[in-house]
Amino acid sequence: MSESDESGRRRKLNHETTELRKFDEDVSELRGFYNNFDIEERSQFRAWLEQVASLATEGYQQSVLLRIRTQYDVCDENGETLRWGDVEFSPGPMLAAIKAWDAGEDYAPENWPWP
């Protein structure tokens, strides 16, 4: 991946920058997925996610990693599909992001990258 600098020349992005951009895009997709829920659905999803995060913690002790994949359509006002949303996270960061959003805060992970 590359981008233009101030002079218009292309420069190659380092791996960490590329990964951080991908992470930011994924967090944005996750927020879109979560924002499509009504209040009750958000509460149900968060309760389920807390259970999964608990299981994930148990799994880490056994060297097992759980990942959650969200998939949804992004539609226009007429219901026409504009694109397909798809992201994957481990339960801990997903739950941390949702807790931050529910508290009216932005999400910024403390430790990145993580499993």
PDB file of N, CA and C in Angstrom:
ATOM      1  N   MET A   1       0.858  -1.170   0.000  1.00  0.00           N
ATOM      2  CA  MET A   1       0.000   0.000   0.000  1.00  0.00           C
ATOM      3  C   MET A   1       0.899   1.226   0.000  1.00  0.00           C
ATOM      4  N   SER A   2       0.484   2.267  -0.689  1.00  0.00           N
ATOM      5  CA  SER A   2       1.245   3.508  -0.725  1.00  0.00           C
ATOM      6  C   SER A   2       0.273   4.673  -0.668  1.00  0.00           C
ATOM      7  N   GLU A   3       0.833   5.851  -0.404  1.00  0.00           N
ATOM      8  CA  GLU A   3       0.035   7.071  -0.395  1.00  0.00           C
ATOM      9  C   GLU A   3       0.922   8.207  -0.878  1.00  0.00           C
ATOM     10  N   SER A   4       0.304   9.325  -1.227  1.00  0.00           N
ATOM     11  CA  SER A   4       1.057  10.472  -1.712  1.00  0.00           C
ATOM     12  C   SER A   4       1.504  11.334  -0.547  1.00  0.00           C
ATOM     13  N   ASP A   5       2.737  11.852  -0.626  1.00  0.00           N
ATOM     14  CA  ASP A   5       3.184  12.819   0.374  1.00  0.00           C
ATOM     15  C   ASP A   5       2.829  14.216  -0.115  1.00  0.00           C
ATOM     16  N   GLU A   6       3.294  15.268   0.592  1.00  0.00           N
ATOM     17  CA  GLU A   6       2.912  16.634   0.231  1.00  0.00           C
ATOM     18  C   GLU A   6       3.321  17.021  -1.193  1.00  0.00           C
ATOM     19  N   SER A   7       4.398  16.441  -1.684  1.00  0.00           N
ATOM     20  CA  SER A   7       4.859  16.782  -3.026  1.00  0.00           C
ATOM     21  C   SER A   7       4.174  15.954  -4.105  1.00  0.00           C
ATOM     22  N   GLY A   8       3.281  15.069  -3.713  1.00  0.00           N
ATOM     23  CA  GLY A   8       2.578  14.254  -4.691  1.00  0.00           C
ATOM     24  C   GLY A   8       3.287  12.962  -5.014  1.00  0.00           C
ATOM     25  N   ARG A   9       4.470  12.748  -4.458  1.00  0.00           N
ATOM     26  CA  ARG A   9       5.203  11.503  -4.700  1.00  0.00           C
ATOM     27  C   ARG A   9       4.591  10.379  -3.890  1.00  0.00           C
ATOM     28  N   ARG A  10       4.634   9.201  -4.456  1.00  0.00           N
ATOM     29  CA  ARG A  10       4.101   8.024  -3.763  1.00  0.00           C
ATOM     30  C   ARG A  10       5.155   7.516  -2.780  1.00  0.00           C
ATOM     31  N   ARG A  11       4.699   7.135  -1.591  1.00  0.00           N
ATOM     32  CA  ARG A  11       5.610   6.525  -0.633  1.00  0.00           C
ATOM     33  C   ARG A  11       4.959   5.268  -0.080  1.00  0.00           C
ATOM     34  N   LYS A  12       5.784   4.309   0.200  1.00  0.00           N
ATOM     35  CA  LYS A  12       5.281   3.034   0.717  1.00  0.00           C
ATOM     36  C   LYS A  12       5.012   3.172   2.213  1.00  0.00           C
ATOM     37  N   LEU A  13       3.824   2.715   2.633  1.00  0.00           N
ATOM     38  CA  LEU A  13       3.476   2.731   4.047  1.00  0.00           C
ATOM     39  C   LEU A  13       4.123   1.537   4.742  1.00  0.00           C
ATOM     40  N   ASN A  14       4.565   1.761   5.980  1.00  0.00           N
ATOM     41  CA  ASN A  14       5.142   0.639   6.700  1.00  0.00           C
ATOM     42  C   ASN A  14       4.025  -0.292   7.181  1.00  0.00           C
ATOM     43  N   HIS A  15       4.410  -1.450   7.614  1.00  0.00           N
ATOM     44  CA  HIS A  15       3.441  -2.483   8.003  1.00  0.00           C
ATOM     45  C   HIS A  15       2.553  -2.009   9.153  1.00  0.00           C
ATOM     46  N   GLU A  16       3.128  -1.369  10.156  1.00  0.00           N
ATOM     47  CA  GLU A  16       2.341  -0.931  11.304  1.00  0.00           C
ATOM     48  C   GLU A  16       1.286   0.092  10.898  1.00  0.00           C
ATOM     49  N   THR A  17       1.643   1.036  10.037  1.00  0.00           N
ATOM     50  CA  THR A  17       0.687   2.035   9.569  1.00  0.00           C
ATOM     51  C   THR A  17      -0.450   1.373   8.808  1.00  0.00           C
ATOM     52  N   THR A  18      -0.127   0.419   7.971  1.00  0.00           N
ATOM     53  CA  THR A  18      -1.140  -0.307   7.212  1.00  0.00           C
ATOM     54  C   THR A  18      -2.070  -1.067   8.150  1.00  0.00           C
ATOM     55  N   GLU A  19      -1.496  -1.725   9.153  1.00  0.00           N
ATOM     56  CA  GLU A  19      -2.306  -2.472  10.111  1.00  0.00           C
ATOM     57  C   GLU A  19      -3.209  -1.547  10.930  1.00  0.00           C
ATOM     58  N   LEU A  20      -2.698  -0.399  11.341  1.00  0.00           N
ATOM     59  CA  LEU A  20      -3.507   0.546  12.104  1.00  0.00           C
ATOM     60  C   LEU A  20      -4.660   1.086  11.275  1.00  0.00           C
ATOM     61  N   ARG A  21      -4.418   1.358  10.008  1.00  0.00           N
ATOM     62  CA  ARG A  21      -5.502   1.812   9.129  1.00  0.00           C
ATOM     63  C   ARG A  21      -6.570   0.737   8.991  1.00  0.00           C
ATOM     64  N   LYS A  22      -6.150  -0.494   8.818  1.00  0.00           N
ATOM     65  CA  LYS A  22      -7.094  -1.603   8.705  1.00  0.00           C
ATOM     66  C   LYS A  22      -7.895  -1.736  10.004  1.00  0.00           C
ATOM     67  N   PHE A  23      -7.219  -1.601  11.132  1.00  0.00           N
ATOM     68  CA  PHE A  23      -7.900  -1.674  12.419  1.00  0.00           C
ATOM     69  C   PHE A  23      -8.936  -0.559  12.536  1.00  0.00           C
ATOM     70  N   ASP A  24      -8.574   0.662  12.181  1.00  0.00           N
ATOM     71  CA  ASP A  24      -9.516   1.783  12.237  1.00  0.00           C
ATOM     72  C   ASP A  24     -10.735   1.529  11.358  1.00  0.00           C
ATOM     73  N   GLU A  25     -10.509   0.982  10.169  1.00  0.00           N
ATOM     74  CA  GLU A  25     -11.620   0.659   9.272  1.00  0.00           C
ATOM     75  C   GLU A  25     -12.513  -0.417   9.896  1.00  0.00           C
ATOM     76  N   ASP A  26     -11.886  -1.418  10.505  1.00  0.00           N
ATOM     77  CA  ASP A  26     -12.661  -2.497  11.125  1.00  0.00           C
ATOM     78  C   ASP A  26     -13.482  -1.978  12.304  1.00  0.00           C
ATOM     79  N   VAL A  27     -12.894  -1.107  13.121  1.00  0.00           N
ATOM     80  CA  VAL A  27     -13.637  -0.532  14.248  1.00  0.00           C
ATOM     81  C   VAL A  27     -14.822   0.270  13.726  1.00  0.00           C
ATOM     82  N   SER A  28     -14.613   1.008  12.657  1.00  0.00           N
ATOM     83  CA  SER A  28     -15.700   1.780  12.055  1.00  0.00           C
ATOM     84  C   SER A  28     -16.811   0.848  11.563  1.00  0.00           C
ATOM     85  N   GLU A  29     -16.448  -0.262  10.944  1.00  0.00           N
ATOM     86  CA  GLU A  29     -17.439  -1.246  10.489  1.00  0.00           C
ATOM     87  C   GLU A  29     -18.187  -1.840  11.677  1.00  0.00           C
ATOM     88  N   LEU A  30     -17.451  -2.151  12.750  1.00  0.00           N
ATOM     89  CA  LEU A  30     -18.095  -2.701  13.941  1.00  0.00           C
ATOM     90  C   LEU A  30     -19.091  -1.699  14.518  1.00  0.00           C
ATOM     91  N   ARG A  31     -18.707  -0.440  14.540  1.00  0.00           N
ATOM     92  CA  ARG A  31     -19.617   0.577  15.073  1.00  0.00           C
ATOM     93  C   ARG A  31     -20.874   0.681  14.205  1.00  0.00           C
ATOM     94  N   GLY A  32     -20.708   0.597  12.896  1.00  0.00           N
ATOM     95  CA  GLY A  32     -21.869   0.594  12.002  1.00  0.00           C
ATOM     96  C   GLY A  32     -22.781  -0.580  12.280  1.00  0.00           C
ATOM     97  N   PHE A  33     -22.191  -1.754  12.483  1.00  0.00           N
ATOM     98  CA  PHE A  33     -22.968  -2.954  12.822  1.00  0.00           C
ATOM     99  C   PHE A  33     -23.735  -2.721  14.117  1.00  0.00           C
ATOM    100  N   TYR A  34     -23.057  -2.245  15.151  1.00  0.00           N
ATOM    101  CA  TYR A  34     -23.668  -2.045  16.466  1.00  0.00           C
ATOM    102  C   TYR A  34     -24.720  -0.941  16.427  1.00  0.00           C
ATOM    103  N   ASN A  35     -24.474   0.116  15.693  1.00  0.00           N
ATOM    104  CA  ASN A  35     -25.422   1.231  15.613  1.00  0.00           C
ATOM    105  C   ASN A  35     -26.717   0.866  14.895  1.00  0.00           C
ATOM    106  N   ASN A  36     -26.713  -0.221  14.147  1.00  0.00           N
ATOM    107  CA  ASN A  36     -27.936  -0.671  13.483  1.00  0.00           C
ATOM    108  C   ASN A  36     -28.917  -1.329  14.439  1.00  0.00           C
ATOM    109  N   PHE A  37     -28.462  -1.660  15.645  1.00  0.00           N
ATOM    110  CA  PHE A  37     -29.343  -2.260  16.646  1.00  0.00           C
ATOM    111  C   PHE A  37     -30.141  -1.193  17.358  1.00  0.00           C
ATOM    112  N   ASP A  38     -31.356  -1.562  17.784  1.00  0.00           N
ATOM    113  CA  ASP A  38     -32.098  -0.669  18.679  1.00  0.00           C
ATOM    114  C   ASP A  38     -31.583  -0.890  20.107  1.00  0.00           C
ATOM    115  N   ILE A  39     -32.109  -0.154  21.077  1.00  0.00           N
ATOM    116  CA  ILE A  39     -31.623  -0.205  22.458  1.00  0.00           C
ATOM    117  C   ILE A  39     -31.691  -1.627  23.032  1.00  0.00           C
ATOM    118  N   GLU A  40     -32.815  -2.302  22.819  1.00  0.00           N
ATOM    119  CA  GLU A  40     -32.984  -3.661  23.352  1.00  0.00           C
ATOM    120  C   GLU A  40     -32.001  -4.637  22.693  1.00  0.00           C
ATOM    121  N   GLU A  41     -31.843  -4.538  21.388  1.00  0.00           N
ATOM    122  CA  GLU A  41     -30.906  -5.417  20.684  1.00  0.00           C
ATOM    123  C   GLU A  41     -29.471  -5.169  21.150  1.00  0.00           C
ATOM    124  N   ARG A  42     -29.122  -3.917  21.393  1.00  0.00           N
ATOM    125  CA  ARG A  42     -27.775  -3.604  21.902  1.00  0.00           C
ATOM    126  C   ARG A  42     -27.559  -4.252  23.258  1.00  0.00           C
ATOM    127  N   SER A  43     -28.551  -4.155  24.117  1.00  0.00           N
ATOM    128  CA  SER A  43     -28.450  -4.749  25.448  1.00  0.00           C
ATOM    129  C   SER A  43     -28.286  -6.265  25.354  1.00  0.00           C
ATOM    130  N   GLN A  44     -29.070  -6.896  24.501  1.00  0.00           N
ATOM    131  CA  GLN A  44     -28.984  -8.347  24.321  1.00  0.00           C
ATOM    132  C   GLN A  44     -27.624  -8.743  23.745  1.00  0.00           C
ATOM    133  N   PHE A  45     -27.163  -7.997  22.758  1.00  0.00           N
ATOM    134  CA  PHE A  45     -25.876  -8.301  22.136  1.00  0.00           C
ATOM    135  C   PHE A  45     -24.746  -8.143  23.145  1.00  0.00           C
ATOM    136  N   ARG A  46     -24.784  -7.069  23.924  1.00  0.00           N
ATOM    137  CA  ARG A  46     -23.734  -6.837  24.918  1.00  0.00           C
ATOM    138  C   ARG A  46     -23.733  -7.951  25.968  1.00  0.00           C
ATOM    139  N   ALA A  47     -24.907  -8.382  26.437  1.00  0.00           N
ATOM    140  CA  ALA A  47     -24.990  -9.479  27.413  1.00  0.00           C
ATOM    141  C   ALA A  47     -24.402 -10.765  26.826  1.00  0.00           C
ATOM    142  N   TRP A  48     -24.732 -11.049  25.585  1.00  0.00           N
ATOM    143  CA  TRP A  48     -24.187 -12.232  24.920  1.00  0.00           C
ATOM    144  C   TRP A  48     -22.675 -12.113  24.797  1.00  0.00           C
ATOM    145  N   LEU A  49     -22.202 -10.942  24.402  1.00  0.00           N
ATOM    146  CA  LEU A  49     -20.778 -10.719  24.217  1.00  0.00           C
ATOM    147  C   LEU A  49     -20.012 -10.857  25.532  1.00  0.00           C
ATOM    148  N   GLU A  50     -20.609 -10.440  26.634  1.00  0.00           N
ATOM    149  CA  GLU A  50     -19.967 -10.607  27.939  1.00  0.00           C
ATOM    150  C   GLU A  50     -19.798 -12.089  28.269  1.00  0.00           C
ATOM    151  N   GLN A  51     -20.786 -12.904  27.905  1.00  0.00           N
ATOM    152  CA  GLN A  51     -20.667 -14.349  28.115  1.00  0.00           C
ATOM    153  C   GLN A  51     -19.562 -14.933  27.245  1.00  0.00           C
ATOM    154  N   VAL A  52     -19.501 -14.508  25.997  1.00  0.00           N
ATOM    155  CA  VAL A  52     -18.480 -15.004  25.081  1.00  0.00           C
ATOM    156  C   VAL A  52     -17.093 -14.568  25.561  1.00  0.00           C
ATOM    157  N   ALA A  53     -16.963 -13.334  26.040  1.00  0.00           N
ATOM    158  CA  ALA A  53     -15.674 -12.848  26.540  1.00  0.00           C
ATOM    159  C   ALA A  53     -15.208 -13.683  27.729  1.00  0.00           C
ATOM    160  N   SER A  54     -16.152 -14.080  28.568  1.00  0.00           N
ATOM    161  CA  SER A  54     -15.818 -14.939  29.701  1.00  0.00           C
ATOM    162  C   SER A  54     -15.306 -16.298  29.209  1.00  0.00           C
ATOM    163  N   LEU A  55     -15.978 -16.866  28.246  1.00  0.00           N
ATOM    164  CA  LEU A  55     -15.527 -18.133  27.661  1.00  0.00           C
ATOM    165  C   LEU A  55     -14.167 -17.984  26.978  1.00  0.00           C
ATOM    166  N   ALA A  56     -13.962 -16.851  26.341  1.00  0.00           N
ATOM    167  CA  ALA A  56     -12.689 -16.608  25.665  1.00  0.00           C
ATOM    168  C   ALA A  56     -11.546 -16.583  26.671  1.00  0.00           C
ATOM    169  N   THR A  57     -11.794 -15.980  27.827  1.00  0.00           N
ATOM    170  CA  THR A  57     -10.764 -15.930  28.871  1.00  0.00           C
ATOM    171  C   THR A  57     -10.399 -17.350  29.317  1.00  0.00           C
ATOM    172  N   GLU A  58     -11.404 -18.196  29.476  1.00  0.00           N
ATOM    173  CA  GLU A  58     -11.149 -19.598  29.812  1.00  0.00           C
ATOM    174  C   GLU A  58     -10.351 -20.279  28.697  1.00  0.00           C
ATOM    175  N   GLY A  59     -10.694 -19.973  27.466  1.00  0.00           N
ATOM    176  CA  GLY A  59     -10.012 -20.576  26.324  1.00  0.00           C
ATOM    177  C   GLY A  59      -8.552 -20.188  26.231  1.00  0.00           C
ATOM    178  N   TYR A  60      -8.235 -18.937  26.583  1.00  0.00           N
ATOM    179  CA  TYR A  60      -6.842 -18.485  26.542  1.00  0.00           C
ATOM    180  C   TYR A  60      -5.964 -19.381  27.398  1.00  0.00           C
ATOM    181  N   GLN A  61      -6.507 -19.864  28.513  1.00  0.00           N
ATOM    182  CA  GLN A  61      -5.745 -20.738  29.406  1.00  0.00           C
ATOM    183  C   GLN A  61      -5.444 -22.077  28.738  1.00  0.00           C
ATOM    184  N   GLN A  62      -6.229 -22.432  27.748  1.00  0.00           N
ATOM    185  CA  GLN A  62      -6.038 -23.674  27.008  1.00  0.00           C
ATOM    186  C   GLN A  62      -5.416 -23.424  25.635  1.00  0.00           C
ATOM    187  N   SER A  63      -4.933 -22.214  25.417  1.00  0.00           N
ATOM    188  CA  SER A  63      -4.341 -21.808  24.131  1.00  0.00           C
ATOM    189  C   SER A  63      -5.356 -21.860  22.992  1.00  0.00           C
ATOM    190  N   VAL A  64      -6.609 -21.501  23.317  1.00  0.00           N
ATOM    191  CA  VAL A  64      -7.683 -21.466  22.325  1.00  0.00           C
ATOM    192  C   VAL A  64      -8.122 -20.019  22.156  1.00  0.00           C
ATOM    193  N   LEU A  65      -8.253 -19.590  20.939  1.00  0.00           N
ATOM    194  CA  LEU A  65      -8.626 -18.218  20.634  1.00  0.00           C
ATOM    195  C   LEU A  65     -10.006 -18.188  19.998  1.00  0.00           C
ATOM    196  N   LEU A  66     -10.891 -17.369  20.550  1.00  0.00           N
ATOM    197  CA  LEU A  66     -12.217 -17.158  19.969  1.00  0.00           C
ATOM    198  C   LEU A  66     -12.214 -15.868  19.167  1.00  0.00           C
ATOM    199  N   ARG A  67     -12.862 -15.896  18.016  1.00  0.00           N
ATOM    200  CA  ARG A  67     -13.031 -14.709  17.185  1.00  0.00           C
ATOM    201  C   ARG A  67     -14.510 -14.584  16.866  1.00  0.00           C
ATOM    202  N   ILE A  68     -14.977 -13.336  16.802  1.00  0.00           N
ATOM    203  CA  ILE A  68     -16.370 -13.065  16.451  1.00  0.00           C
ATOM    204  C   ILE A  68     -16.363 -12.317  15.132  1.00  0.00           C
ATOM    205  N   ARG A  69     -17.163 -12.790  14.216  1.00  0.00           N
ATOM    206  CA  ARG A  69     -17.255 -12.155  12.900  1.00  0.00           C
ATOM    207  C   ARG A  69     -18.650 -11.582  12.724  1.00  0.00           C
ATOM    208  N   THR A  70     -18.711 -10.322  12.385  1.00  0.00           N
ATOM    209  CA  THR A  70     -19.997  -9.693  12.101  1.00  0.00           C
ATOM    210  C   THR A  70     -20.154  -9.560  10.597  1.00  0.00           C
ATOM    211  N   GLN A  71     -21.366  -9.726  10.135  1.00  0.00           N
ATOM    212  CA  GLN A  71     -21.682  -9.582   8.717  1.00  0.00           C
ATOM    213  C   GLN A  71     -23.029  -8.895   8.598  1.00  0.00           C
ATOM    214  N   TYR A  72     -23.083  -7.876   7.794  1.00  0.00           N
ATOM    215  CA  TYR A  72     -24.351  -7.175   7.600  1.00  0.00           C
ATOM    216  C   TYR A  72     -24.299  -6.392   6.300  1.00  0.00           C
ATOM    217  N   ASP A  73     -25.494  -6.080   5.776  1.00  0.00           N
ATOM    218  CA  ASP A  73     -25.613  -5.270   4.568  1.00  0.00           C
ATOM    219  C   ASP A  73     -25.751  -3.804   4.948  1.00  0.00           C
ATOM    220  N   VAL A  74     -25.092  -2.942   4.211  1.00  0.00           N
ATOM    221  CA  VAL A  74     -25.278  -1.500   4.352  1.00  0.00           C
ATOM    222  C   VAL A  74     -26.197  -1.094   3.209  1.00  0.00           C
ATOM    223  N   CYS A  75     -27.387  -0.585   3.564  1.00  0.00           N
ATOM    224  CA  CYS A  75     -28.412  -0.291   2.554  1.00  0.00           C
ATOM    225  C   CYS A  75     -28.702   1.202   2.494  1.00  0.00           C
ATOM    226  N   ASP A  76     -29.207   1.638   1.353  1.00  0.00           N
ATOM    227  CA  ASP A  76     -29.640   3.032   1.221  1.00  0.00           C
ATOM    228  C   ASP A  76     -31.071   3.162   1.734  1.00  0.00           C
ATOM    229  N   GLU A  77     -31.632   4.367   1.634  1.00  0.00           N
ATOM    230  CA  GLU A  77     -32.972   4.615   2.164  1.00  0.00           C
ATOM    231  C   GLU A  77     -34.063   3.805   1.461  1.00  0.00           C
ATOM    232  N   ASN A  78     -33.773   3.275   0.265  1.00  0.00           N
ATOM    233  CA  ASN A  78     -34.733   2.461  -0.472  1.00  0.00           C
ATOM    234  C   ASN A  78     -34.557   0.964  -0.209  1.00  0.00           C
ATOM    235  N   GLY A  79     -33.624   0.624   0.665  1.00  0.00           N
ATOM    236  CA  GLY A  79     -33.381  -0.775   0.980  1.00  0.00           C
ATOM    237  C   GLY A  79     -32.440  -1.476   0.018  1.00  0.00           C
ATOM    238  N   GLU A  80     -31.855  -0.725  -0.909  1.00  0.00           N
ATOM    239  CA  GLU A  80     -30.904  -1.307  -1.853  1.00  0.00           C
ATOM    240  C   GLU A  80     -29.551  -1.482  -1.167  1.00  0.00           C
ATOM    241  N   THR A  81     -28.954  -2.649  -1.337  1.00  0.00           N
ATOM    242  CA  THR A  81     -27.661  -2.914  -0.721  1.00  0.00           C
ATOM    243  C   THR A  81     -26.571  -2.101  -1.419  1.00  0.00           C
ATOM    244  N   LEU A  82     -25.868  -1.292  -0.606  1.00  0.00           N
ATOM    245  CA  LEU A  82     -24.755  -0.503  -1.121  1.00  0.00           C
ATOM    246  C   LEU A  82     -23.443  -1.272  -1.025  1.00  0.00           C
ATOM    247  N   ARG A  83     -23.275  -1.975   0.100  1.00  0.00           N
ATOM    248  CA  ARG A  83     -22.077  -2.782   0.293  1.00  0.00           C
ATOM    249  C   ARG A  83     -22.337  -3.747   1.442  1.00  0.00           C
ATOM    250  N   TRP A  84     -21.393  -4.624   1.635  1.00  0.00           N
ATOM    251  CA  TRP A  84     -21.507  -5.641   2.661  1.00  0.00           C
ATOM    252  C   TRP A  84     -20.490  -5.340   3.747  1.00  0.00           C
ATOM    253  N   GLY A  85     -20.924  -5.243   5.013  1.00  0.00           N
ATOM    254  CA  GLY A  85     -20.025  -5.028   6.135  1.00  0.00           C
ATOM    255  C   GLY A  85     -19.580  -6.350   6.719  1.00  0.00           C
ATOM    256  N   ASP A  86     -18.297  -6.449   7.047  1.00  0.00           N
ATOM    257  CA  ASP A  86     -17.744  -7.706   7.519  1.00  0.00           C
ATOM    258  C   ASP A  86     -16.478  -7.415   8.320  1.00  0.00           C
ATOM    259  N   VAL A  87     -16.500  -7.686   9.620  1.00  0.00           N
ATOM    260  CA  VAL A  87     -15.296  -7.527  10.442  1.00  0.00           C
ATOM    261  C   VAL A  87     -15.174  -8.688  11.413  1.00  0.00           C
ATOM    262  N   GLU A  88     -13.970  -8.858  11.920  1.00  0.00           N
ATOM    263  CA  GLU A  88     -13.691  -9.939  12.853  1.00  0.00           C
ATOM    264  C   GLU A  88     -12.799  -9.424  13.974  1.00  0.00           C
ATOM    265  N   PHE A  89     -13.203  -9.695  15.215  1.00  0.00           N
ATOM    266  CA  PHE A  89     -12.440  -9.304  16.393  1.00  0.00           C
ATOM    267  C   PHE A  89     -12.488 -10.429  17.414  1.00  0.00           C
ATOM    268  N   SER A  90     -11.543 -10.406  18.341  1.00  0.00           N
ATOM    269  CA  SER A  90     -11.687 -11.256  19.514  1.00  0.00           C
ATOM    270  C   SER A  90     -12.664 -10.563  20.460  1.00  0.00           C
ATOM    271  N   PRO A  91     -13.295 -11.306  21.368  1.00  0.00           N
ATOM    272  CA  PRO A  91     -14.364 -10.735  22.190  1.00  0.00           C
ATOM    273  C   PRO A  91     -13.935  -9.563  23.081  1.00  0.00           C
ATOM    274  N   GLY A  92     -12.738  -9.598  23.649  1.00  0.00           N
ATOM    275  CA  GLY A  92     -12.302  -8.546  24.569  1.00  0.00           C
ATOM    276  C   GLY A  92     -12.297  -7.155  23.947  1.00  0.00           C
ATOM    277  N   PRO A  93     -11.609  -6.968  22.822  1.00  0.00           N
ATOM    278  CA  PRO A  93     -11.613  -5.650  22.185  1.00  0.00           C
ATOM    279  C   PRO A  93     -12.994  -5.230  21.695  1.00  0.00           C
ATOM    280  N   MET A  94     -13.789  -6.200  21.231  1.00  0.00           N
ATOM    281  CA  MET A  94     -15.134  -5.880  20.766  1.00  0.00           C
ATOM    282  C   MET A  94     -15.976  -5.372  21.936  1.00  0.00           C
ATOM    283  N   LEU A  95     -15.896  -6.042  23.066  1.00  0.00           N
ATOM    284  CA  LEU A  95     -16.645  -5.631  24.244  1.00  0.00           C
ATOM    285  C   LEU A  95     -16.143  -4.284  24.761  1.00  0.00           C
ATOM    286  N   ALA A  96     -14.842  -4.065  24.749  1.00  0.00           N
ATOM    287  CA  ALA A  96     -14.282  -2.782  25.192  1.00  0.00           C
ATOM    288  C   ALA A  96     -14.785  -1.633  24.324  1.00  0.00           C
ATOM    289  N   ALA A  97     -14.843  -1.851  23.015  1.00  0.00           N
ATOM    290  CA  ALA A  97     -15.345  -0.820  22.105  1.00  0.00           C
ATOM    291  C   ALA A  97     -16.805  -0.505  22.400  1.00  0.00           C
ATOM    292  N   ILE A  98     -17.611  -1.529  22.574  1.00  0.00           N
ATOM    293  CA  ILE A  98     -19.039  -1.341  22.830  1.00  0.00           C
ATOM    294  C   ILE A  98     -19.272  -0.636  24.163  1.00  0.00           C
ATOM    295  N   LYS A  99     -18.514  -1.010  25.180  1.00  0.00           N
ATOM    296  CA  LYS A  99     -18.643  -0.333  26.472  1.00  0.00           C
ATOM    297  C   LYS A  99     -18.296   1.153  26.340  1.00  0.00           C
ATOM    298  N   ALA A 100     -17.256   1.466  25.582  1.00  0.00           N
ATOM    299  CA  ALA A 100     -16.878   2.872  25.376  1.00  0.00           C
ATOM    300  C   ALA A 100     -17.997   3.613  24.657  1.00  0.00           C
ATOM    301  N   TRP A 101     -18.537   3.038  23.595  1.00  0.00           N
ATOM    302  CA  TRP A 101     -19.605   3.702  22.842  1.00  0.00           C
ATOM    303  C   TRP A 101     -20.849   3.887  23.695  1.00  0.00           C
ATOM    304  N   ASP A 102     -21.188   2.871  24.495  1.00  0.00           N
ATOM    305  CA  ASP A 102     -22.355   2.984  25.363  1.00  0.00           C
ATOM    306  C   ASP A 102     -22.174   4.081  26.409  1.00  0.00           C
ATOM    307  N   ALA A 103     -20.919   4.352  26.771  1.00  0.00           N
ATOM    308  CA  ALA A 103     -20.620   5.417  27.746  1.00  0.00           C
ATOM    309  C   ALA A 103     -20.469   6.775  27.060  1.00  0.00           C
ATOM    310  N   GLY A 104     -20.700   6.820  25.735  1.00  0.00           N
ATOM    311  CA  GLY A 104     -20.598   8.072  24.991  1.00  0.00           C
ATOM    312  C   GLY A 104     -19.172   8.480  24.683  1.00  0.00           C
ATOM    313  N   GLU A 105     -18.255   7.525  24.709  1.00  0.00           N
ATOM    314  CA  GLU A 105     -16.844   7.797  24.469  1.00  0.00           C
ATOM    315  C   GLU A 105     -16.393   7.180  23.155  1.00  0.00           C
ATOM    316  N   ASP A 106     -15.268   7.664  22.661  1.00  0.00           N
ATOM    317  CA  ASP A 106     -14.625   7.029  21.513  1.00  0.00           C
ATOM    318  C   ASP A 106     -13.861   5.813  22.012  1.00  0.00           C
ATOM    319  N   TYR A 107     -13.598   4.898  21.112  1.00  0.00           N
ATOM    320  CA  TYR A 107     -12.848   3.693  21.495  1.00  0.00           C
ATOM    321  C   TYR A 107     -11.419   3.816  21.011  1.00  0.00           C
ATOM    322  N   ALA A 108     -10.499   3.677  21.939  1.00  0.00           N
ATOM    323  CA  ALA A 108      -9.073   3.622  21.624  1.00  0.00           C
ATOM    324  C   ALA A 108      -8.475   2.499  22.464  1.00  0.00           C
ATOM    325  N   PRO A 109      -7.980   1.457  21.838  1.00  0.00           N
ATOM    326  CA  PRO A 109      -7.470   0.317  22.600  1.00  0.00           C
ATOM    327  C   PRO A 109      -6.205   0.679  23.375  1.00  0.00           C
ATOM    328  N   GLU A 110      -6.073   0.055  24.542  1.00  0.00           N
ATOM    329  CA  GLU A 110      -4.880   0.274  25.352  1.00  0.00           C
ATOM    330  C   GLU A 110      -3.702  -0.525  24.821  1.00  0.00           C
ATOM    331  N   ASN A 111      -3.954  -1.752  24.453  1.00  0.00           N
ATOM    332  CA  ASN A 111      -2.884  -2.643  23.975  1.00  0.00           C
ATOM    333  C   ASN A 111      -3.235  -3.105  22.565  1.00  0.00           C
ATOM    334  N   TRP A 112      -2.434  -2.701  21.628  1.00  0.00           N
ATOM    335  CA  TRP A 112      -2.648  -3.138  20.256  1.00  0.00           C
ATOM    336  C   TRP A 112      -1.309  -3.511  19.677  1.00  0.00           C
ATOM    337  N   PRO A 113      -1.161  -4.537  18.936  1.00  0.00           N
ATOM    338  CA  PRO A 113      -2.194  -5.496  18.545  1.00  0.00           C
ATOM    339  C   PRO A 113      -2.430  -6.511  19.643  1.00  0.00           C
ATOM    340  N   TRP A 114      -3.539  -7.201  19.549  1.00  0.00           N
ATOM    341  CA  TRP A 114      -3.893  -8.290  20.454  1.00  0.00           C
ATOM    342  C   TRP A 114      -4.423  -9.415  19.620  1.00  0.00           C
ATOM    343  N   PRO A 115      -4.609 -10.563  20.259  1.00  0.00           N
ATOM    344  CA  PRO A 115      -5.109 -11.723  19.486  1.00  0.00           C
ATOM    345  C   PRO A 115      -6.496 -11.506  18.941  1.00  0.00           C
TER     346      PRO A 115
END
